[in-house]
Protein backbone atom coordinates (compact mmCIF):
# COMPACT_ATOMS: atom_id res chain seq x y z
CA MET A 1 -49.45 -154.65 -18.62
CA LEU A 2 -50.30 -158.22 -18.01
CA PRO A 3 -53.91 -158.55 -16.79
CA SER A 4 -53.38 -161.64 -14.64
CA ILE A 5 -50.62 -160.32 -12.30
CA SER A 6 -50.45 -157.35 -9.95
CA LEU A 7 -48.39 -154.20 -10.43
CA ALA A 8 -45.89 -155.30 -7.75
CA GLN A 9 -45.35 -158.59 -9.59
CA GLU A 10 -44.81 -156.74 -12.87
CA ILE A 11 -42.24 -154.46 -11.21
CA GLY A 12 -40.53 -157.50 -9.68
CA LEU A 13 -40.46 -159.21 -13.07
CA ALA A 14 -38.95 -156.12 -14.70
CA VAL A 15 -36.28 -155.83 -11.98
CA LEU A 16 -35.48 -159.52 -12.33
CA LEU A 17 -35.11 -159.12 -16.08
CA VAL A 18 -32.76 -156.14 -15.68
CA VAL A 19 -30.65 -158.02 -13.11
CA ALA A 20 -30.43 -161.03 -15.42
CA ILE A 21 -29.29 -158.89 -18.36
CA VAL A 22 -26.70 -157.04 -16.26
CA SER A 23 -25.41 -160.33 -14.81
CA PHE A 24 -25.16 -161.91 -18.24
CA THR A 25 -23.22 -158.97 -19.70
CA GLY A 26 -20.96 -158.83 -16.62
CA LEU A 27 -20.13 -162.53 -16.85
CA ARG A 28 -19.54 -162.17 -20.56
CA HIS A 29 -17.12 -159.34 -19.87
CA LEU A 30 -15.28 -161.37 -17.20
CA ARG A 31 -14.92 -164.38 -19.51
CA GLY A 32 -13.38 -162.26 -22.22
CA ASP A 33 -14.00 -162.52 -25.91
CA ASP A 34 -14.04 -166.18 -27.00
CA ARG A 35 -14.28 -165.37 -30.68
CA PHE A 36 -10.58 -164.55 -30.88
CA PRO A 37 -8.67 -166.93 -28.59
CA HIS A 38 -5.28 -165.75 -27.47
CA ALA A 39 -2.26 -168.02 -27.84
CA GLU A 40 -1.01 -169.40 -24.53
CA PRO A 41 2.62 -168.60 -23.76
CA ALA A 42 4.97 -171.53 -23.30
CA ALA A 43 5.56 -172.59 -19.69
CA ALA A 44 9.25 -171.73 -19.84
CA GLU A 45 8.50 -168.25 -21.13
CA SER A 46 5.75 -167.43 -18.67
CA LEU A 47 7.38 -168.79 -15.48
CA PRO A 48 11.10 -168.00 -15.57
CA MET A 49 11.31 -167.85 -11.77
CA ILE A 50 10.59 -171.60 -11.35
CA PRO A 51 13.82 -173.60 -11.65
CA SER A 52 13.98 -176.61 -13.92
CA GLN A 53 14.14 -180.15 -12.52
CA ARG A 54 17.57 -181.36 -11.50
CA GLY A 55 17.09 -184.92 -12.65
CA ARG A 56 16.24 -188.20 -10.95
CA ALA A 57 18.36 -187.57 -7.87
CA GLY A 58 16.70 -184.30 -6.88
CA HIS A 59 17.90 -182.08 -4.10
CA PRO A 60 19.78 -183.80 -1.24
CA MET A 61 17.34 -182.38 1.32
CA GLU A 62 14.38 -183.88 -0.58
CA SER A 63 15.42 -187.47 0.02
CA VAL A 64 15.50 -189.60 3.15
CA GLU A 65 17.56 -192.73 3.72
CA LEU A 66 15.41 -195.58 5.06
CA THR A 67 16.59 -198.19 7.50
CA GLU A 68 16.35 -201.85 6.55
CA ALA A 69 13.30 -202.30 8.83
CA GLU A 70 11.56 -199.34 7.18
CA LYS A 71 12.31 -200.75 3.71
CA GLN A 72 10.84 -204.12 4.70
CA ALA A 73 7.76 -202.47 6.23
CA PHE A 74 7.22 -200.44 3.07
CA ALA A 75 7.63 -203.54 0.89
CA GLY A 76 5.05 -205.36 3.03
CA LEU A 77 2.67 -202.43 2.72
CA VAL A 78 3.05 -202.36 -1.06
CA ARG A 79 2.32 -206.10 -1.26
CA THR A 80 -1.05 -205.53 0.46
CA ILE A 81 -2.26 -203.11 -2.26
CA PRO A 82 -4.66 -204.83 -4.66
CA LEU A 83 -3.56 -204.53 -8.30
CA HIS A 84 -6.90 -204.86 -10.09
């Protein structure tokens, strides 16, 4: 027993210590064992349901044809962007 603190403070300190130890071991368990890192699978092996890219053109529904006025407005907007 510590002579300078009350019994309630000692009990609170003990409970706090137990909670800290349990939290530390729980977090350690959630993180897994870092001593033996597992090899990451390649992206193509782990995600076969995602299709590969089709190329520069992309899907026809993913592109929009701009009018000449829209092209000029976009060009004007790009010119206003500072390049430094």
